[in-house]
């Protein structure tokens, strides 16, 4: 049993070739770490991989994953709905057990330096690891995407924290940082009108006057003939999932559009799901000690 556990959720710019994603997932696995989930989205052309392990295990896993991704992904031939600047686009570290946020910041800087030295890859530190306030927001770092990266990096204020002052030819650059739990949450709308998704996203996201702790963009999903509001929820305790869903539903209804379905990308903390159930059932609260399986697991741990 690991006494110190960190979660890392690298996002890679490939969601259409299962064999490539599987090879990258395999490269991430190894001693003192485990890949517990991964998902692919062909419209976004992106995969989200969830790894848990010890600090040393996670570090080794990210190095292995990045090497394989740079070998198999070429952003010069990459298209997709989701903004991206790197073959490995972002690598967050999240404290889970026995580690602090400061530990994750230290790890992110160590891994960032190794990625730069090993692969000649530009690295930007973001969120809690950011070297300056304007780099805390991932969207600011990624603005311009891969295609605008070379020009952007010529400006002194956008020199990378580690690595060369120019993009990796096929792999671009990567953002590495420490953060709290984040829930990637998408809602699909029953229309092909992209302007509706963008208007709803604008109403929901905090930066344009919407809900605190919500980042949102509107995307077209051409293979499905619909649009999507794609969101990152950065504090589910203060802005619960259900509140976000209800606001998106209400804003879409203003344009005569219904919600088709919603989805989690990757994983969510158990308490976030309990909070949705409690709100829907008007329970006031739902805690793990009220859930049969959780109580059984707790009892078994106490006896072991």
Protein backbone atom coordinates (compact mmCIF):
# COMPACT_ATOMS: atom_id res chain seq x y z
CA UNK A 1 0.00 0.00 0.00
CA UNK A 2 1.37 3.41 -0.96
CA UNK A 3 1.53 5.90 1.90
CA UNK A 4 1.97 8.87 -0.43
CA UNK A 5 -0.30 9.15 -3.47
CA UNK A 6 -0.39 11.71 -6.27
CA UNK A 7 -2.80 11.76 -9.17
CA UNK A 8 -1.70 12.95 -12.60
CA UNK A 9 -4.12 13.50 -15.48
CA UNK A 10 -2.08 14.13 -18.64
CA UNK A 11 -4.04 15.21 -21.72
CA UNK A 12 -2.58 14.08 -25.03
CA UNK A 13 -3.47 15.30 -28.49
CA UNK A 14 -4.78 12.05 -29.93
CA UNK A 15 -8.31 10.73 -29.78
CA UNK A 16 -8.84 8.93 -33.09
CA UNK A 17 -6.21 6.18 -33.17
CA UNK A 18 -6.81 3.67 -30.36
CA UNK A 19 -3.54 1.86 -31.03
CA UNK A 20 -1.56 5.06 -30.47
CA UNK A 21 -3.37 5.92 -27.25
CA UNK A 22 -2.92 2.36 -25.99
CA UNK A 23 0.82 2.50 -26.68
CA UNK A 24 1.08 5.75 -24.74
CA UNK A 25 -0.96 4.33 -21.85
CA UNK A 26 1.32 1.28 -21.76
CA UNK A 27 4.38 3.54 -21.66
CA UNK A 28 2.93 5.36 -18.64
CA UNK A 29 2.49 2.20 -16.56
CA UNK A 30 5.12 0.66 -14.34
CA UNK A 31 6.34 0.21 -10.74
CA UNK A 32 4.79 2.44 -8.06
CA UNK A 33 2.08 3.75 -10.37
CA UNK A 34 -1.07 2.56 -12.08
CA UNK A 35 -3.13 3.85 -14.99
CA UNK A 36 -6.66 3.67 -13.60
CA UNK A 37 -8.58 5.26 -16.47
CA UNK A 38 -8.30 6.74 -19.92
CA UNK A 39 -10.82 8.09 -22.40
CA UNK A 40 -10.69 9.23 -26.03
CA UNK A 41 -12.72 11.84 -27.87
CA UNK A 42 -12.49 11.78 -31.69
CA UNK A 43 -14.14 15.17 -32.17
CA UNK A 44 -11.73 16.84 -29.77
CA UNK A 45 -8.98 14.49 -31.02
CA UNK A 46 -7.75 14.24 -27.46
CA UNK A 47 -7.28 11.60 -24.77
CA UNK A 48 -7.30 12.02 -21.00
CA UNK A 49 -5.26 9.55 -18.96
CA UNK A 50 -5.50 9.16 -15.17
CA UNK A 51 -2.45 7.84 -13.33
CA UNK A 52 -2.04 7.39 -9.58
CA UNK A 53 1.10 6.48 -7.71
CA UNK A 54 3.97 7.55 -5.50
CA UNK A 55 5.85 10.74 -6.41
CA UNK A 56 8.74 8.76 -7.90
CA UNK A 57 6.39 6.42 -9.72
CA UNK A 58 4.36 9.27 -11.22
CA UNK A 59 7.54 11.03 -12.34
CA UNK A 60 8.74 7.93 -14.18
CA UNK A 61 5.30 7.42 -15.72
CA UNK A 62 5.15 10.95 -17.15
CA UNK A 63 8.62 10.63 -18.62
CA UNK A 64 7.67 7.35 -20.30
CA UNK A 65 4.33 8.67 -21.53
CA UNK A 66 5.88 11.81 -22.99
CA UNK A 67 8.59 9.93 -24.85
CA UNK A 68 6.05 7.64 -26.51
CA UNK A 69 3.67 10.52 -27.31
CA UNK A 70 6.44 12.51 -29.01
CA UNK A 71 7.32 9.41 -31.00
CA UNK A 72 3.77 8.78 -32.25
CA UNK A 73 2.02 12.18 -32.43
CA UNK A 74 2.83 14.92 -34.95
CA UNK A 75 0.90 18.13 -34.35
CA UNK A 76 1.71 19.32 -37.87
CA UNK A 77 -0.91 16.78 -39.00
CA UNK A 78 -3.28 17.13 -36.06
CA UNK A 79 -6.77 18.64 -36.18
CA UNK A 80 -9.51 18.65 -33.56
CA UNK A 81 -12.04 20.83 -31.80
CA UNK A 82 -10.12 21.19 -28.55
CA UNK A 83 -7.39 23.86 -28.22
CA UNK A 84 -3.89 22.35 -27.93
CA UNK A 85 -0.26 23.40 -28.05
CA UNK A 86 1.49 20.09 -27.41
CA UNK A 87 1.47 16.40 -28.27
CA UNK A 88 1.35 16.07 -24.49
CA UNK A 89 -0.69 19.19 -23.91
CA UNK A 90 -0.94 19.45 -20.14
CA UNK A 91 0.35 17.45 -17.16
CA UNK A 92 -1.26 18.31 -13.81
CA UNK A 93 -0.29 16.86 -10.43
CA UNK A 94 -2.95 16.58 -7.71
CA UNK A 95 -2.34 15.68 -4.03
CA UNK A 96 -4.41 12.67 -2.94
CA UNK A 97 -2.95 11.19 0.25
CA UNK A 98 0.13 11.85 2.36
CA UNK A 99 1.32 14.71 0.16
CA UNK A 100 0.71 18.45 0.12
CA UNK A 101 0.16 20.92 -2.68
CA UNK A 102 3.73 22.12 -2.09
CA UNK A 103 4.95 18.56 -2.71
CA UNK A 104 3.10 18.56 -6.02
CA UNK A 105 4.58 21.94 -6.96
CA UNK A 106 8.06 20.58 -6.24
CA UNK A 107 7.35 17.47 -8.31
CA UNK A 108 5.98 19.52 -11.21
CA UNK A 109 9.15 21.59 -11.38
CA UNK A 110 11.33 18.51 -11.19
CA UNK A 111 9.37 16.75 -13.94
CA UNK A 112 9.27 19.92 -16.07
CA UNK A 113 13.06 20.21 -15.92
CA UNK A 114 13.45 16.52 -16.83
CA UNK A 115 11.05 16.75 -19.77
CA UNK A 116 12.96 19.73 -21.15
CA UNK A 117 16.36 18.10 -20.72
CA UNK A 118 15.34 14.66 -21.97
CA UNK A 119 13.26 15.64 -25.00
CA UNK A 120 14.39 19.21 -25.80
CA UNK A 121 10.78 20.18 -25.11
CA UNK A 122 9.65 23.65 -23.97
CA UNK A 123 7.82 23.51 -20.63
CA UNK A 124 5.52 26.10 -19.08
CA UNK A 125 4.62 25.93 -15.39
CA UNK A 126 0.96 26.71 -14.64
CA UNK A 127 -1.63 26.87 -11.83
CA UNK A 128 -0.01 26.53 -8.37
CA UNK A 129 3.40 25.98 -9.99
CA UNK A 130 3.31 29.12 -12.15
CA UNK A 131 6.47 31.23 -12.16
CA UNK A 132 4.42 34.42 -12.62
CA UNK A 133 0.75 35.33 -12.15
CA UNK A 134 -0.11 35.59 -15.85
CA UNK A 135 0.87 31.94 -16.30
CA UNK A 136 -1.51 30.53 -13.69
CA UNK A 137 -4.31 30.23 -16.27
CA UNK A 138 -3.73 27.37 -18.71
CA UNK A 139 -5.84 29.10 -21.37
CA UNK A 140 -3.44 32.07 -21.41
CA UNK A 141 -0.45 29.79 -21.96
CA UNK A 142 -2.22 27.80 -24.68
CA UNK A 143 -3.60 30.85 -26.52
CA UNK A 144 -2.48 30.74 -30.15
CA UNK A 145 -2.17 26.95 -29.96
CA UNK A 146 0.52 24.96 -31.75
CA UNK A 147 0.22 26.95 -34.94
CA UNK A 148 0.98 30.27 -33.20
CA UNK A 149 3.52 28.92 -30.72
CA UNK A 150 6.74 29.75 -32.59
CA UNK A 151 5.77 33.39 -33.00
CA UNK A 152 4.50 33.63 -29.43
CA UNK A 153 7.74 32.23 -28.01
CA UNK A 154 9.75 34.97 -29.69
CA UNK A 155 8.28 37.42 -27.18
CA UNK A 156 10.39 37.61 -23.99
CA UNK A 157 7.33 37.32 -21.74
CA UNK A 158 6.56 33.91 -23.26
CA UNK A 159 9.97 32.30 -22.91
CA UNK A 160 9.41 28.83 -21.44
CA UNK A 161 10.27 28.01 -17.84
CA UNK A 162 12.38 25.08 -19.02
CA UNK A 163 13.70 24.00 -22.41
CA UNK A 164 14.49 25.67 -25.71
CA UNK A 165 13.09 29.06 -26.82
CA UNK A 166 11.32 27.44 -29.75
CA UNK A 167 8.68 24.69 -30.11
CA UNK A 168 9.49 21.02 -30.48
CA UNK A 169 9.03 20.47 -34.25
CA UNK A 170 6.22 17.93 -33.93
CA UNK A 171 5.41 18.06 -30.21
CA UNK A 172 5.02 21.77 -29.54
CA UNK A 173 5.21 22.55 -25.83
CA UNK A 174 3.71 21.22 -22.59
CA UNK A 175 2.16 22.87 -19.55
CA UNK A 176 3.07 21.22 -16.24
CA UNK A 177 1.69 22.20 -12.86
CA UNK A 178 0.06 21.40 -9.54
CA UNK A 179 -3.65 21.94 -8.89
CA UNK A 180 -6.67 20.76 -6.94
CA UNK A 181 -9.10 18.16 -8.27
CA UNK A 182 -10.68 19.22 -11.56
CA UNK A 183 -13.78 17.73 -13.15
CA UNK A 184 -13.92 17.74 -16.94
CA UNK A 185 -17.61 17.86 -17.77
CA UNK A 186 -19.33 18.21 -21.15
CA UNK A 187 -22.97 18.81 -22.04
CA UNK A 188 -24.31 18.07 -25.52
CA UNK A 189 -27.09 20.24 -26.98
CA UNK A 190 -29.78 19.24 -29.47
CA UNK A 191 -28.71 21.64 -32.21
CA UNK A 192 -25.99 22.03 -34.82
CA UNK A 193 -25.87 25.80 -34.26
CA UNK A 194 -22.43 26.51 -32.82
CA UNK A 195 -23.45 30.04 -31.85
CA UNK A 196 -25.87 28.60 -29.27
CA UNK A 197 -23.12 26.56 -27.58
CA UNK A 198 -20.84 29.59 -27.52
CA UNK A 199 -23.55 31.81 -26.02
CA UNK A 200 -24.32 29.22 -23.35
CA UNK A 201 -20.61 28.79 -22.57
CA UNK A 202 -20.23 32.55 -22.24
CA UNK A 203 -23.14 32.67 -19.78
CA UNK A 204 -21.76 29.82 -17.69
CA UNK A 205 -18.03 30.51 -17.44
CA UNK A 206 -16.66 32.71 -14.69
CA UNK A 207 -14.41 34.83 -16.90
CA UNK A 208 -17.46 36.33 -18.68
CA UNK A 209 -19.68 36.71 -15.63
CA UNK A 210 -20.95 33.17 -15.03
CA UNK A 211 -20.37 30.66 -12.26
CA UNK A 212 -17.24 30.80 -10.15
CA UNK A 213 -14.83 27.90 -10.71
CA UNK A 214 -16.20 27.13 -14.18
CA UNK A 215 -14.29 27.35 -17.45
CA UNK A 216 -16.37 26.72 -20.58
CA UNK A 217 -16.13 26.73 -24.37
CA UNK A 218 -18.60 25.86 -27.11
CA UNK A 219 -17.57 23.25 -29.68
CA UNK A 220 -19.12 21.68 -32.76
CA UNK A 221 -19.26 17.87 -32.91
CA UNK A 222 -19.58 17.38 -36.67
CA UNK A 223 -19.66 13.57 -36.56
CA UNK A 224 -22.77 13.78 -34.36
CA UNK A 225 -24.28 16.85 -36.03
CA UNK A 226 -24.63 18.62 -32.68
CA UNK A 227 -22.74 21.07 -30.46
CA UNK A 228 -21.28 20.78 -27.00
CA UNK A 229 -20.54 22.99 -24.01
CA UNK A 230 -17.18 21.70 -22.77
CA UNK A 231 -16.25 22.66 -19.21
CA UNK A 232 -13.63 22.36 -16.50
CA UNK A 233 -15.02 22.59 -12.97
CA UNK A 234 -12.15 23.64 -10.73
CA UNK A 235 -13.91 23.49 -7.34
CA UNK A 236 -16.89 21.12 -7.19
CA UNK A 237 -17.44 21.86 -3.50
CA UNK A 238 -18.15 25.55 -4.11
CA UNK A 239 -19.77 25.15 -7.55
CA UNK A 240 -21.45 21.72 -7.64
CA UNK A 241 -21.95 19.77 -10.86
CA UNK A 242 -25.74 19.95 -10.62
CA UNK A 243 -25.71 23.74 -10.42
CA UNK A 244 -23.65 23.85 -13.62
CA UNK A 245 -25.97 21.41 -15.38
CA UNK A 246 -29.08 23.35 -14.42
CA UNK A 247 -27.63 26.66 -15.62
CA UNK A 248 -26.57 25.18 -18.98
CA UNK A 249 -30.04 23.65 -19.37
CA UNK A 250 -31.73 26.95 -18.56
CA UNK A 251 -29.49 29.01 -20.86
CA UNK A 252 -29.96 26.56 -23.76
CA UNK A 253 -33.73 26.73 -23.29
CA UNK A 254 -33.58 30.47 -23.95
CA UNK A 255 -32.70 29.57 -27.55
CA UNK A 256 -35.26 26.78 -27.79
CA UNK A 257 -32.59 24.09 -27.44
CA UNK A 258 -32.73 21.01 -25.20
CA UNK A 259 -29.92 19.18 -23.45
CA UNK A 260 -29.26 15.74 -24.99
CA UNK A 261 -26.81 14.29 -22.49
CA UNK A 262 -23.83 15.09 -20.36
CA UNK A 263 -20.58 13.25 -19.78
CA UNK A 264 -17.62 13.08 -17.44
CA UNK A 265 -14.24 13.07 -19.17
CA UNK A 266 -11.93 10.98 -17.05
CA UNK A 267 -12.82 10.67 -13.39
CA UNK A 268 -14.52 12.69 -10.65
CA UNK A 269 -14.13 12.58 -6.87
CA UNK A 270 -16.73 10.36 -5.20
CA UNK A 271 -18.03 13.22 -3.08
CA UNK A 272 -18.91 15.20 -6.22
CA UNK A 273 -21.25 12.39 -7.28
CA UNK A 274 -22.72 12.13 -3.78
CA UNK A 275 -23.40 15.87 -3.84
CA UNK A 276 -25.43 15.50 -7.04
CA UNK A 277 -27.50 12.68 -5.54
CA UNK A 278 -28.07 14.65 -2.33
CA UNK A 279 -29.23 17.73 -4.23
CA UNK A 280 -31.57 15.78 -6.52
CA UNK A 281 -33.12 13.90 -3.60
CA UNK A 282 -33.13 16.97 -1.32
CA UNK A 283 -31.27 14.99 1.32
CA UNK A 284 -29.37 17.96 2.66
CA UNK A 285 -26.20 15.87 2.65
CA UNK A 286 -25.00 12.43 1.62
CA UNK A 287 -21.77 11.20 3.16
CA UNK A 288 -19.72 8.02 2.58
CA UNK A 289 -20.82 6.54 5.91
CA UNK A 290 -24.39 6.42 4.54
CA UNK A 291 -23.37 4.36 1.51
CA UNK A 292 -23.35 0.61 2.11
CA UNK A 293 -20.28 -0.25 0.04
CA UNK A 294 -18.25 2.53 1.60
CA UNK A 295 -19.10 1.37 5.10
CA UNK A 296 -18.16 -2.21 4.20
CA UNK A 297 -14.80 -1.07 2.79
CA UNK A 298 -14.15 0.99 5.91
CA UNK A 299 -14.96 -1.95 8.16
CA UNK A 300 -12.69 -4.28 6.19
CA UNK A 301 -9.82 -1.80 6.34
CA UNK A 302 -10.25 -1.47 10.10
CA UNK A 303 -10.01 -5.26 10.51
CA UNK A 304 -6.99 -5.70 8.25
